[in-house]
């Protein structure tokens, strides 16, 4: 197992192509199980997660986006992937509506049984972080294999 946590420079946004290049390198350089590739992000990382998964869902086993948003054009691609979206209703850094907009767009697609949405009533921007410390999250994530 390998965990990779790439970062972006201040003022930059995530590039799905750069992440894909990184994934290609890792798969070519290490003995990794390509059927168990997961992407998870929080805040700007959640935007990056949905952007990457919207372009390269076929490479992923599952994804999770906490307190972020995405492009609704990617909704039907995201609907094909096990996806957990978590957001606090009291988030002032990234509006809760960013996640609900994505959830609504995904729900309009044919296959939405892979979507899990957790709303944290009154939760602020940091509230979803608690899921990173739960067995529930990792049991859910690791239950998927491509």
C-alpha atoms as a PDB file:
ATOM      1  CA  UNK A   1       0.000   0.000   0.000  1.00  0.00           C
ATOM      2  CA  UNK A   2       1.155   3.513  -0.752  1.00  0.00           C
ATOM      3  CA  UNK A   3      -0.358   6.853   0.224  1.00  0.00           C
ATOM      4  CA  UNK A   4       0.575   9.846  -1.904  1.00  0.00           C
ATOM      5  CA  UNK A   5      -0.363  13.366  -0.805  1.00  0.00           C
ATOM      6  CA  UNK A   6       0.515  15.841  -3.555  1.00  0.00           C
ATOM      7  CA  UNK A   7       0.283  19.568  -2.865  1.00  0.00           C
ATOM      8  CA  UNK A   8      -0.270  22.582  -5.102  1.00  0.00           C
ATOM      9  CA  UNK A   9       1.595  25.857  -4.902  1.00  0.00           C
ATOM     10  CA  UNK A  10      -0.224  28.799  -3.363  1.00  0.00           C
ATOM     11  CA  UNK A  11      -2.516  30.375  -5.928  1.00  0.00           C
ATOM     12  CA  UNK A  12      -2.584  27.311  -8.191  1.00  0.00           C
ATOM     13  CA  UNK A  13      -5.413  24.865  -8.750  1.00  0.00           C
ATOM     14  CA  UNK A  14      -5.320  21.124  -9.320  1.00  0.00           C
ATOM     15  CA  UNK A  15      -4.415  19.793 -12.748  1.00  0.00           C
ATOM     16  CA  UNK A  16      -5.981  16.404 -13.540  1.00  0.00           C
ATOM     17  CA  UNK A  17      -3.320  15.895 -16.188  1.00  0.00           C
ATOM     18  CA  UNK A  18      -0.468  16.406 -13.698  1.00  0.00           C
ATOM     19  CA  UNK A  19      -2.111  14.015 -11.230  1.00  0.00           C
ATOM     20  CA  UNK A  20      -2.535  11.493 -14.023  1.00  0.00           C
ATOM     21  CA  UNK A  21       1.136  11.799 -14.952  1.00  0.00           C
ATOM     22  CA  UNK A  22       2.023  11.221 -11.299  1.00  0.00           C
ATOM     23  CA  UNK A  23      -0.216   8.146 -11.191  1.00  0.00           C
ATOM     24  CA  UNK A  24       1.364   6.772 -14.377  1.00  0.00           C
ATOM     25  CA  UNK A  25       4.826   7.219 -12.827  1.00  0.00           C
ATOM     26  CA  UNK A  26       3.834   5.527  -9.569  1.00  0.00           C
ATOM     27  CA  UNK A  27       2.262   2.548 -11.338  1.00  0.00           C
ATOM     28  CA  UNK A  28       5.317   2.141 -13.585  1.00  0.00           C
ATOM     29  CA  UNK A  29       7.806   2.514 -10.716  1.00  0.00           C
ATOM     30  CA  UNK A  30       6.226   0.521  -7.900  1.00  0.00           C
ATOM     31  CA  UNK A  31       4.369  -2.750  -7.510  1.00  0.00           C
ATOM     32  CA  UNK A  32       0.920  -1.241  -6.901  1.00  0.00           C
ATOM     33  CA  UNK A  33      -2.545  -2.710  -7.323  1.00  0.00           C
ATOM     34  CA  UNK A  34      -4.119  -0.647 -10.111  1.00  0.00           C
ATOM     35  CA  UNK A  35      -7.564  -1.935  -9.112  1.00  0.00           C
ATOM     36  CA  UNK A  36      -7.279  -0.125  -5.775  1.00  0.00           C
ATOM     37  CA  UNK A  37      -6.599   3.495  -6.700  1.00  0.00           C
ATOM     38  CA  UNK A  38      -8.526   5.975  -4.530  1.00  0.00           C
ATOM     39  CA  UNK A  39      -8.591   9.756  -4.510  1.00  0.00           C
ATOM     40  CA  UNK A  40      -9.614  11.811  -1.498  1.00  0.00           C
ATOM     41  CA  UNK A  41      -9.521  15.547  -0.919  1.00  0.00           C
ATOM     42  CA  UNK A  42     -10.749  18.251   1.403  1.00  0.00           C
ATOM     43  CA  UNK A  43     -11.517  21.868   0.466  1.00  0.00           C
ATOM     44  CA  UNK A  44      -9.335  22.743  -2.566  1.00  0.00           C
ATOM     45  CA  UNK A  45      -8.345  19.081  -2.568  1.00  0.00           C
ATOM     46  CA  UNK A  46     -12.029  18.155  -2.887  1.00  0.00           C
ATOM     47  CA  UNK A  47     -12.276  20.335  -5.979  1.00  0.00           C
ATOM     48  CA  UNK A  48      -9.178  18.559  -7.305  1.00  0.00           C
ATOM     49  CA  UNK A  49     -10.687  15.185  -6.425  1.00  0.00           C
ATOM     50  CA  UNK A  50     -13.890  15.868  -8.362  1.00  0.00           C
ATOM     51  CA  UNK A  51     -11.961  17.407 -11.265  1.00  0.00           C
ATOM     52  CA  UNK A  52      -9.652  14.383 -11.551  1.00  0.00           C
ATOM     53  CA  UNK A  53     -12.447  11.846 -11.039  1.00  0.00           C
ATOM     54  CA  UNK A  54     -14.571  13.649 -13.615  1.00  0.00           C
ATOM     55  CA  UNK A  55     -11.861  13.084 -16.232  1.00  0.00           C
ATOM     56  CA  UNK A  56     -10.305   9.802 -15.107  1.00  0.00           C
ATOM     57  CA  UNK A  57     -13.018   7.898 -13.202  1.00  0.00           C
ATOM     58  CA  UNK A  58     -12.076   4.760 -15.150  1.00  0.00           C
ATOM     59  CA  UNK A  59      -8.761   4.655 -13.249  1.00  0.00           C
ATOM     60  CA  UNK A  60     -10.308   4.854  -9.786  1.00  0.00           C
ATOM     61  CA  UNK A  61     -11.943   2.406  -7.407  1.00  0.00           C
ATOM     62  CA  UNK A  62     -13.615   5.182  -5.355  1.00  0.00           C
ATOM     63  CA  UNK A  63     -13.373   8.864  -4.428  1.00  0.00           C
ATOM     64  CA  UNK A  64     -14.275  11.139  -1.522  1.00  0.00           C
ATOM     65  CA  UNK A  65     -14.671  14.922  -1.592  1.00  0.00           C
ATOM     66  CA  UNK A  66     -15.051  16.810   1.693  1.00  0.00           C
ATOM     67  CA  UNK A  67     -16.227  20.452   1.774  1.00  0.00           C
ATOM     68  CA  UNK A  68     -15.514  21.200  -1.866  1.00  0.00           C
ATOM     69  CA  UNK A  69     -17.279  21.383  -5.194  1.00  0.00           C
ATOM     70  CA  UNK A  70     -16.831  20.673  -8.845  1.00  0.00           C
ATOM     71  CA  UNK A  71     -18.034  21.096 -12.390  1.00  0.00           C
ATOM     72  CA  UNK A  72     -21.561  19.778 -12.957  1.00  0.00           C
ATOM     73  CA  UNK A  73     -20.553  18.834 -16.514  1.00  0.00           C
ATOM     74  CA  UNK A  74     -18.686  15.907 -14.912  1.00  0.00           C
ATOM     75  CA  UNK A  75     -21.741  14.684 -12.963  1.00  0.00           C
ATOM     76  CA  UNK A  76     -22.638  11.630 -15.047  1.00  0.00           C
ATOM     77  CA  UNK A  77     -19.028  10.444 -15.099  1.00  0.00           C
ATOM     78  CA  UNK A  78     -18.882  10.894 -11.323  1.00  0.00           C
ATOM     79  CA  UNK A  79     -22.146   8.931 -10.990  1.00  0.00           C
ATOM     80  CA  UNK A  80     -20.341   5.841 -12.296  1.00  0.00           C
ATOM     81  CA  UNK A  81     -17.825   5.943  -9.436  1.00  0.00           C
ATOM     82  CA  UNK A  82     -18.367   5.169  -5.748  1.00  0.00           C
ATOM     83  CA  UNK A  83     -18.259   8.708  -4.379  1.00  0.00           C
ATOM     84  CA  UNK A  84     -18.725  10.075  -0.875  1.00  0.00           C
ATOM     85  CA  UNK A  85     -19.358  13.805  -0.558  1.00  0.00           C
ATOM     86  CA  UNK A  86     -19.339  15.381   2.924  1.00  0.00           C
ATOM     87  CA  UNK A  87     -20.038  19.035   3.748  1.00  0.00           C
ATOM     88  CA  UNK A  88     -21.060  21.108   6.766  1.00  0.00           C
ATOM     89  CA  UNK A  89     -24.098  23.344   6.358  1.00  0.00           C
ATOM     90  CA  UNK A  90     -22.355  26.156   8.263  1.00  0.00           C
ATOM     91  CA  UNK A  91     -19.209  26.226   6.110  1.00  0.00           C
ATOM     92  CA  UNK A  92     -18.266  29.857   5.400  1.00  0.00           C
ATOM     93  CA  UNK A  93     -15.043  29.094   3.480  1.00  0.00           C
ATOM     94  CA  UNK A  94     -16.650  26.892   0.796  1.00  0.00           C
ATOM     95  CA  UNK A  95     -20.427  27.249   0.679  1.00  0.00           C
ATOM     96  CA  UNK A  96     -22.463  24.116   1.391  1.00  0.00           C
ATOM     97  CA  UNK A  97     -24.232  24.801  -1.912  1.00  0.00           C
ATOM     98  CA  UNK A  98     -21.055  23.783  -3.765  1.00  0.00           C
ATOM     99  CA  UNK A  99     -21.552  20.177  -2.661  1.00  0.00           C
ATOM    100  CA  UNK A 100     -25.346  20.175  -2.963  1.00  0.00           C
ATOM    101  CA  UNK A 101     -25.004  21.493  -6.533  1.00  0.00           C
ATOM    102  CA  UNK A 102     -22.808  18.506  -7.397  1.00  0.00           C
ATOM    103  CA  UNK A 103     -25.082  16.042  -5.584  1.00  0.00           C
ATOM    104  CA  UNK A 104     -28.137  17.371  -7.461  1.00  0.00           C
ATOM    105  CA  UNK A 105     -26.336  17.102 -10.816  1.00  0.00           C
ATOM    106  CA  UNK A 106     -25.179  13.534 -10.063  1.00  0.00           C
ATOM    107  CA  UNK A 107     -28.684  12.544  -8.965  1.00  0.00           C
ATOM    108  CA  UNK A 108     -29.996  13.541 -12.417  1.00  0.00           C
ATOM    109  CA  UNK A 109     -27.787  10.863 -14.002  1.00  0.00           C
ATOM    110  CA  UNK A 110     -28.909   7.286 -14.600  1.00  0.00           C
ATOM    111  CA  UNK A 111     -26.718   5.557 -12.016  1.00  0.00           C
ATOM    112  CA  UNK A 112     -26.687   7.274  -8.630  1.00  0.00           C
ATOM    113  CA  UNK A 113     -26.613   4.280  -6.304  1.00  0.00           C
ATOM    114  CA  UNK A 114     -22.844   4.777  -5.888  1.00  0.00           C
ATOM    115  CA  UNK A 115     -23.247   8.261  -4.402  1.00  0.00           C
ATOM    116  CA  UNK A 116     -23.103   8.792  -0.653  1.00  0.00           C
ATOM    117  CA  UNK A 117     -23.801  12.305   0.649  1.00  0.00           C
ATOM    118  CA  UNK A 118     -23.318  13.315   4.260  1.00  0.00           C
ATOM    119  CA  UNK A 119     -24.550  16.694   5.427  1.00  0.00           C
ATOM    120  CA  UNK A 120     -23.214  17.922   8.775  1.00  0.00           C
ATOM    121  CA  UNK A 121     -25.872  20.230  10.264  1.00  0.00           C
ATOM    122  CA  UNK A 122     -24.206  23.458  11.408  1.00  0.00           C
ATOM    123  CA  UNK A 123     -20.771  22.043  10.580  1.00  0.00           C
ATOM    124  CA  UNK A 124     -18.022  24.527   9.704  1.00  0.00           C
ATOM    125  CA  UNK A 125     -15.275  24.140   7.096  1.00  0.00           C
ATOM    126  CA  UNK A 126     -13.234  21.811   9.287  1.00  0.00           C
ATOM    127  CA  UNK A 127     -16.134  19.609  10.393  1.00  0.00           C
ATOM    128  CA  UNK A 128     -15.719  16.919   7.692  1.00  0.00           C
ATOM    129  CA  UNK A 129     -12.124  16.314   8.806  1.00  0.00           C
ATOM    130  CA  UNK A 130     -13.396  14.023  11.560  1.00  0.00           C
ATOM    131  CA  UNK A 131     -14.245  11.388   8.931  1.00  0.00           C
ATOM    132  CA  UNK A 132     -10.535  10.924   8.223  1.00  0.00           C
ATOM    133  CA  UNK A 133     -10.280   9.493  11.749  1.00  0.00           C
ATOM    134  CA  UNK A 134     -13.120   6.959  11.502  1.00  0.00           C
ATOM    135  CA  UNK A 135     -13.221   3.283  10.662  1.00  0.00           C
ATOM    136  CA  UNK A 136     -16.462   3.995   8.786  1.00  0.00           C
ATOM    137  CA  UNK A 137     -14.641   6.089   6.190  1.00  0.00           C
ATOM    138  CA  UNK A 138     -11.795   3.648   5.564  1.00  0.00           C
ATOM    139  CA  UNK A 139     -14.094   0.610   5.598  1.00  0.00           C
ATOM    140  CA  UNK A 140     -16.272   2.326   2.987  1.00  0.00           C
ATOM    141  CA  UNK A 141     -13.340   3.461   0.827  1.00  0.00           C
ATOM    142  CA  UNK A 142     -11.411   0.209   0.903  1.00  0.00           C
ATOM    143  CA  UNK A 143     -14.511  -1.892   0.209  1.00  0.00           C
ATOM    144  CA  UNK A 144     -14.249  -0.873  -3.454  1.00  0.00           C
ATOM    145  CA  UNK A 145     -12.048  -2.452  -6.048  1.00  0.00           C
ATOM    146  CA  UNK A 146     -12.102  -1.661  -9.765  1.00  0.00           C
END
